[in-house]
């Protein structure tokens, strides 16, 4: 006699299937990648992030990193403030402005900083200016971008060389291409330019008055993320920084393989391609308390800030690899 097959009632089978589906969804959800949206200016400081993307280092950390190209710092800041972007490359002064009332962003790593062989910011003289040293700057107009690290490094570099604030005049010319053009035409006697725009100006005849290679505590840029995102996804930020570290090691170990990427991302002016020296990038670190204090003091003296901002609520090294 054949044994009778026992069939589970449909009322039992359906819930079991639903439970199985929910378990599968729960397991797969744990592996879902985190998406980070980065507001990115076309500057050399961002090269490690582009290398990390191209080499698959972000994917290795289970991250999807989307680059949102922006043409200016105000455009970048608008994306961050509106929540359309999660992170950016900026500088400590920008972080201070964000956090002037309450902590909105957290700086988590250097992006770039001045090094003895690779300056970051240059005070340059026009080829027609007859300026050959810092003393010749006295009484001259210097093109800057107000309320930025450009103005800060201008003041600090000239002060370190023995000049007082009333020894020179600064002229607000926010856009780098405009400063570059006015310097090249001789309408500006001098200007502060970041690398690699400075390299282009030098190639066109400008001369170096002073740069921050002798004062590396002043020139820098940083990776910064919205505080809300750092609080919610600290492991994603750790993964991002691990990927950046791998990219930095690869760039510093082989400078010659990034020409196509420099061109594709518009990080270097076309006339420099093939002749530009890729800088060394800093390994895992954040700006120091002393750097924060000096920039904050400057910002308060210039009237840009009034608050006494706490370093520890704006800069966090605990996420570094």
Protein backbone atom coordinates (compact mmCIF):
# COMPACT_ATOMS: atom_id res chain seq x y z
CA UNK A 1 0.00 0.00 0.00
CA UNK A 2 1.35 3.37 -0.98
CA UNK A 3 1.72 5.83 1.88
CA UNK A 4 -0.34 8.95 1.59
CA UNK A 5 1.57 12.15 0.85
CA UNK A 6 1.10 14.84 3.43
CA UNK A 7 0.55 18.31 1.98
CA UNK A 8 1.04 21.44 4.06
CA UNK A 9 -1.98 23.70 3.94
CA UNK A 10 -1.58 26.86 1.85
CA UNK A 11 -2.18 28.93 4.95
CA UNK A 12 1.11 27.59 6.37
CA UNK A 13 3.17 27.66 3.15
CA UNK A 14 2.52 31.29 2.24
CA UNK A 15 3.77 32.71 5.57
CA UNK A 16 6.86 30.50 5.37
CA UNK A 17 7.65 31.84 1.90
CA UNK A 18 7.19 35.42 3.09
CA UNK A 19 9.53 34.83 6.04
CA UNK A 20 12.15 33.32 3.72
CA UNK A 21 11.94 36.34 1.37
CA UNK A 22 12.28 38.75 4.29
CA UNK A 23 15.34 36.88 5.57
CA UNK A 24 16.96 37.06 2.15
CA UNK A 25 16.23 40.79 1.91
CA UNK A 26 17.69 41.37 5.34
CA UNK A 27 20.89 39.52 4.49
CA UNK A 28 21.37 41.33 1.16
CA UNK A 29 20.65 44.70 2.76
CA UNK A 30 23.69 44.34 5.02
CA UNK A 31 25.86 44.29 1.93
CA UNK A 32 24.25 47.23 0.17
CA UNK A 33 26.91 49.79 -0.81
CA UNK A 34 26.80 53.28 0.65
CA UNK A 35 26.67 56.11 -1.88
CA UNK A 36 28.79 59.19 -1.22
CA UNK A 37 28.22 62.27 -3.37
CA UNK A 38 31.29 64.49 -3.64
CA UNK A 39 31.15 68.11 -4.82
CA UNK A 40 34.44 68.40 -6.72
CA UNK A 41 36.26 71.41 -8.10
CA UNK A 42 38.64 70.69 -11.02
CA UNK A 43 41.80 71.03 -8.90
CA UNK A 44 44.88 68.87 -8.41
CA UNK A 45 43.94 68.33 -4.77
CA UNK A 46 41.22 65.90 -5.95
CA UNK A 47 43.49 63.59 -7.97
CA UNK A 48 43.65 60.83 -5.30
CA UNK A 49 39.85 60.61 -5.25
CA UNK A 50 39.74 60.22 -9.04
CA UNK A 51 42.50 57.59 -8.92
CA UNK A 52 40.64 55.69 -6.18
CA UNK A 53 37.56 55.63 -8.39
CA UNK A 54 39.42 54.60 -11.55
CA UNK A 55 41.37 51.85 -9.77
CA UNK A 56 38.28 50.40 -8.10
CA UNK A 57 39.40 51.20 -4.54
CA UNK A 58 36.04 52.69 -3.59
CA UNK A 59 34.27 49.60 -4.93
CA UNK A 60 36.59 47.45 -2.81
CA UNK A 61 35.25 49.33 0.22
CA UNK A 62 31.63 48.69 -0.86
CA UNK A 63 31.18 52.35 -1.73
CA UNK A 64 29.59 54.11 -4.68
CA UNK A 65 31.25 57.51 -4.98
CA UNK A 66 29.55 59.99 -7.29
CA UNK A 67 31.49 63.09 -8.36
CA UNK A 68 29.42 66.24 -8.77
CA UNK A 69 31.52 68.71 -10.80
CA UNK A 70 31.34 72.32 -9.62
CA UNK A 71 32.97 75.42 -11.08
CA UNK A 72 33.45 77.46 -7.92
CA UNK A 73 33.56 77.25 -4.12
CA UNK A 74 30.12 78.93 -3.80
CA UNK A 75 28.64 76.30 -6.13
CA UNK A 76 30.25 73.56 -4.03
CA UNK A 77 28.97 75.07 -0.79
CA UNK A 78 25.44 75.34 -2.14
CA UNK A 79 25.38 71.59 -2.86
CA UNK A 80 26.67 70.77 0.61
CA UNK A 81 24.27 73.09 2.44
CA UNK A 82 21.29 71.78 0.50
CA UNK A 83 22.24 68.15 1.20
CA UNK A 84 22.72 67.36 -2.48
CA UNK A 85 26.39 66.53 -1.79
CA UNK A 86 27.88 64.67 1.16
CA UNK A 87 31.52 65.67 0.96
CA UNK A 88 34.03 68.00 -0.64
CA UNK A 89 37.63 69.14 -0.84
CA UNK A 90 37.90 72.50 0.91
CA UNK A 91 40.19 74.11 3.53
CA UNK A 92 39.98 74.81 7.25
CA UNK A 93 38.72 78.35 6.77
CA UNK A 94 35.75 77.00 4.83
CA UNK A 95 35.09 74.48 7.60
CA UNK A 96 35.09 77.34 10.11
CA UNK A 97 32.53 79.28 8.09
CA UNK A 98 30.25 76.22 7.96
CA UNK A 99 30.53 75.66 11.71
CA UNK A 100 30.38 79.28 12.86
CA UNK A 101 27.01 78.77 14.56
CA UNK A 102 26.83 75.01 15.06
CA UNK A 103 28.79 72.01 13.72
CA UNK A 104 27.62 71.23 10.19
CA UNK A 105 30.69 69.57 8.68
CA UNK A 106 33.66 67.51 9.87
CA UNK A 107 37.15 67.66 8.35
CA UNK A 108 38.63 64.16 8.31
CA UNK A 109 41.90 64.28 6.34
CA UNK A 110 44.36 66.41 4.45
CA UNK A 111 43.74 66.39 0.71
CA UNK A 112 46.92 68.26 -0.07
CA UNK A 113 49.46 70.39 1.78
CA UNK A 114 52.55 72.39 0.97
CA UNK A 115 55.77 70.36 0.90
CA UNK A 116 59.40 71.46 0.50
CA UNK A 117 59.56 70.28 -3.12
CA UNK A 118 55.91 70.96 -3.99
CA UNK A 119 54.51 74.37 -3.02
CA UNK A 120 50.75 74.79 -2.95
CA UNK A 121 50.31 78.59 -3.08
CA UNK A 122 52.57 81.13 -4.77
CA UNK A 123 52.80 84.91 -4.68
CA UNK A 124 53.88 85.69 -8.23
CA UNK A 125 55.11 88.87 -9.89
CA UNK A 126 54.20 89.95 -13.40
CA UNK A 127 57.02 89.79 -15.93
CA UNK A 128 56.63 93.57 -16.41
CA UNK A 129 56.55 94.51 -12.72
CA UNK A 130 60.28 94.75 -11.88
CA UNK A 131 59.50 92.87 -8.65
CA UNK A 132 62.36 90.50 -7.84
CA UNK A 133 61.94 89.90 -4.09
CA UNK A 134 59.53 90.34 -1.20
CA UNK A 135 60.74 93.87 -0.40
CA UNK A 136 59.75 94.97 -3.91
CA UNK A 137 56.13 94.10 -3.03
CA UNK A 138 55.92 97.18 -0.80
CA UNK A 139 53.28 99.56 -2.14
CA UNK A 140 52.20 97.13 -4.86
CA UNK A 141 48.75 95.67 -5.51
CA UNK A 142 48.35 91.91 -5.08
CA UNK A 143 45.42 90.07 -6.64
CA UNK A 144 43.66 87.73 -4.20
CA UNK A 145 40.35 86.04 -3.47
CA UNK A 146 38.91 87.60 -0.32
CA UNK A 147 37.88 85.51 2.67
CA UNK A 148 39.67 82.42 1.38
CA UNK A 149 42.92 80.58 1.95
CA UNK A 150 44.32 82.73 -0.86
CA UNK A 151 43.99 85.85 1.29
CA UNK A 152 45.18 83.99 4.39
CA UNK A 153 48.35 82.65 2.76
CA UNK A 154 49.07 86.04 1.19
CA UNK A 155 49.07 87.71 4.59
CA UNK A 156 50.91 84.97 6.42
CA UNK A 157 53.65 84.52 3.79
CA UNK A 158 54.36 88.25 3.56
CA UNK A 159 54.24 88.68 7.34
CA UNK A 160 56.69 85.78 7.73
CA UNK A 161 58.98 87.67 5.32
CA UNK A 162 58.92 90.83 7.41
CA UNK A 163 56.14 92.89 5.82
CA UNK A 164 53.25 94.51 7.67
CA UNK A 165 49.66 94.68 6.46
CA UNK A 166 50.05 98.32 5.45
CA UNK A 167 53.11 97.57 3.29
CA UNK A 168 50.97 96.21 0.43
CA UNK A 169 47.48 96.46 -1.03
CA UNK A 170 45.26 93.50 -1.85
CA UNK A 171 42.76 93.62 -4.71
CA UNK A 172 39.79 91.24 -4.75
CA UNK A 173 39.77 89.20 -7.97
CA UNK A 174 37.90 86.00 -7.02
CA UNK A 175 38.25 83.95 -10.21
CA UNK A 176 41.60 82.31 -10.88
CA UNK A 177 41.39 82.76 -14.68
CA UNK A 178 40.87 86.50 -14.18
CA UNK A 179 43.85 86.83 -11.84
CA UNK A 180 45.93 84.81 -14.28
CA UNK A 181 44.96 87.04 -17.21
CA UNK A 182 45.56 90.30 -15.35
CA UNK A 183 48.92 89.06 -14.09
CA UNK A 184 49.92 88.01 -17.59
CA UNK A 185 48.92 91.36 -19.10
CA UNK A 186 50.81 93.31 -16.44
CA UNK A 187 47.64 95.02 -15.17
CA UNK A 188 48.38 93.29 -11.87
CA UNK A 189 51.88 93.63 -10.46
CA UNK A 190 51.45 90.52 -8.34
CA UNK A 191 48.93 87.83 -7.46
CA UNK A 192 48.52 84.78 -5.25
CA UNK A 193 47.93 81.69 -7.37
CA UNK A 194 47.48 78.04 -6.42
CA UNK A 195 49.24 75.18 -8.15
CA UNK A 196 48.89 74.34 -11.07
CA UNK A 197 47.61 77.75 -12.21
CA UNK A 198 50.83 79.14 -10.76
CA UNK A 199 52.84 76.79 -12.97
CA UNK A 200 51.00 78.11 -16.02
CA UNK A 201 51.70 81.71 -14.99
CA UNK A 202 55.39 80.91 -14.49
CA UNK A 203 55.51 79.22 -17.89
CA UNK A 204 54.09 82.47 -19.33
CA UNK A 205 56.76 84.67 -17.74
CA UNK A 206 55.69 85.36 -14.14
CA UNK A 207 58.31 85.00 -11.42
CA UNK A 208 58.06 83.58 -7.90
CA UNK A 209 58.25 86.15 -5.11
CA UNK A 210 57.55 83.65 -2.33
CA UNK A 211 55.70 80.35 -1.95
CA UNK A 212 54.56 78.21 0.95
CA UNK A 213 57.22 75.52 0.59
CA UNK A 214 59.20 77.38 3.26
CA UNK A 215 56.09 77.75 5.44
CA UNK A 216 54.15 74.49 4.94
CA UNK A 217 51.92 75.18 7.95
CA UNK A 218 49.90 77.64 5.87
CA UNK A 219 49.04 75.95 2.55
CA UNK A 220 46.63 73.02 2.64
CA UNK A 221 43.32 71.52 1.54
CA UNK A 222 41.18 68.90 3.27
CA UNK A 223 38.46 66.29 2.82
CA UNK A 224 35.32 67.33 4.67
CA UNK A 225 31.91 65.66 5.05
CA UNK A 226 28.53 66.72 6.38
CA UNK A 227 28.39 65.94 10.11
CA UNK A 228 25.05 64.17 9.70
CA UNK A 229 26.57 61.71 7.25
CA UNK A 230 29.67 61.13 9.41
CA UNK A 231 27.43 60.35 12.39
CA UNK A 232 25.22 57.96 10.39
CA UNK A 233 27.89 56.22 8.30
CA UNK A 234 31.29 56.36 10.04
CA UNK A 235 32.36 53.06 8.45
CA UNK A 236 31.67 54.48 4.99
CA UNK A 237 33.97 57.42 5.76
CA UNK A 238 36.63 55.01 7.03
CA UNK A 239 36.31 53.06 3.80
CA UNK A 240 36.58 56.25 1.76
CA UNK A 241 39.77 57.22 3.60
CA UNK A 242 41.28 53.74 3.17
CA UNK A 243 40.67 54.05 -0.57
CA UNK A 244 42.26 57.52 -0.61
CA UNK A 245 45.29 56.15 1.21
CA UNK A 246 45.77 53.43 -1.42
CA UNK A 247 45.46 56.03 -4.18
CA UNK A 248 47.98 58.35 -2.50
CA UNK A 249 50.49 55.50 -2.20
CA UNK A 250 50.05 54.68 -5.88
CA UNK A 251 50.36 58.29 -7.06
CA UNK A 252 53.44 58.98 -4.93
CA UNK A 253 55.00 55.75 -6.15
CA UNK A 254 54.46 56.41 -9.86
CA UNK A 255 53.92 59.99 -11.02
CA UNK A 256 54.01 59.28 -14.74
CA UNK A 257 50.86 57.21 -15.27
CA UNK A 258 48.16 59.83 -14.66
CA UNK A 259 48.39 62.06 -17.74
CA UNK A 260 45.12 60.83 -19.24
CA UNK A 261 43.29 61.30 -15.94
CA UNK A 262 44.68 64.82 -15.50
CA UNK A 263 43.40 65.72 -18.94
CA UNK A 264 40.04 63.95 -18.64
CA UNK A 265 39.20 65.62 -15.30
CA UNK A 266 40.60 69.05 -16.34
CA UNK A 267 42.92 69.11 -13.35
CA UNK A 268 45.80 70.68 -15.28
CA UNK A 269 45.62 73.45 -17.91
CA UNK A 270 46.17 71.97 -21.40
CA UNK A 271 49.40 73.95 -22.05
CA UNK A 272 50.99 72.20 -19.05
CA UNK A 273 50.10 68.64 -19.99
CA UNK A 274 53.25 66.66 -20.57
CA UNK A 275 55.42 69.12 -18.60
CA UNK A 276 53.64 69.31 -15.27
CA UNK A 277 55.18 67.64 -12.21
CA UNK A 278 52.54 65.81 -10.19
CA UNK A 279 53.05 66.69 -6.51
CA UNK A 280 53.48 64.31 -3.61
CA UNK A 281 50.28 63.88 -1.63
CA UNK A 282 50.19 63.70 2.17
CA UNK A 283 49.61 60.40 3.93
CA UNK A 284 46.87 59.97 6.51
CA UNK A 285 46.73 63.01 8.82
CA UNK A 286 44.59 66.02 9.67
CA UNK A 287 45.58 69.66 10.20
CA UNK A 288 46.90 70.38 13.67
CA UNK A 289 45.40 72.36 16.53
CA UNK A 290 48.11 75.00 15.93
CA UNK A 291 47.07 75.40 12.29
CA UNK A 292 43.44 75.72 13.32
CA UNK A 293 44.24 78.30 15.99
CA UNK A 294 46.32 80.43 13.63
CA UNK A 295 43.74 80.47 10.87
CA UNK A 296 40.96 81.19 13.37
CA UNK A 297 42.97 84.07 14.83
CA UNK A 298 43.49 85.51 11.35
CA UNK A 299 39.79 85.13 10.46
CA UNK A 300 38.76 86.94 13.64
CA UNK A 301 41.30 89.73 13.13
CA UNK A 302 40.01 90.25 9.58
CA UNK A 303 36.41 90.34 10.77
CA UNK A 304 35.30 87.17 8.98
CA UNK A 305 34.42 85.33 12.20
CA UNK A 306 33.54 86.32 15.74
CA UNK A 307 33.03 82.94 17.41
CA UNK A 308 35.79 81.08 19.25
CA UNK A 309 35.39 77.77 17.43
CA UNK A 310 36.46 74.47 18.95
CA UNK A 311 38.95 72.44 16.92
CA UNK A 312 37.70 69.11 18.31
CA UNK A 313 34.15 69.61 17.00
CA UNK A 314 35.33 70.41 13.46
CA UNK A 315 38.35 68.15 12.88
CA UNK A 316 38.32 64.39 13.54
CA UNK A 317 41.28 62.05 13.02
CA UNK A 318 39.56 58.98 14.49
CA UNK A 319 38.35 57.81 11.06
CA UNK A 320 41.83 57.66 9.49
CA UNK A 321 43.19 54.20 8.60
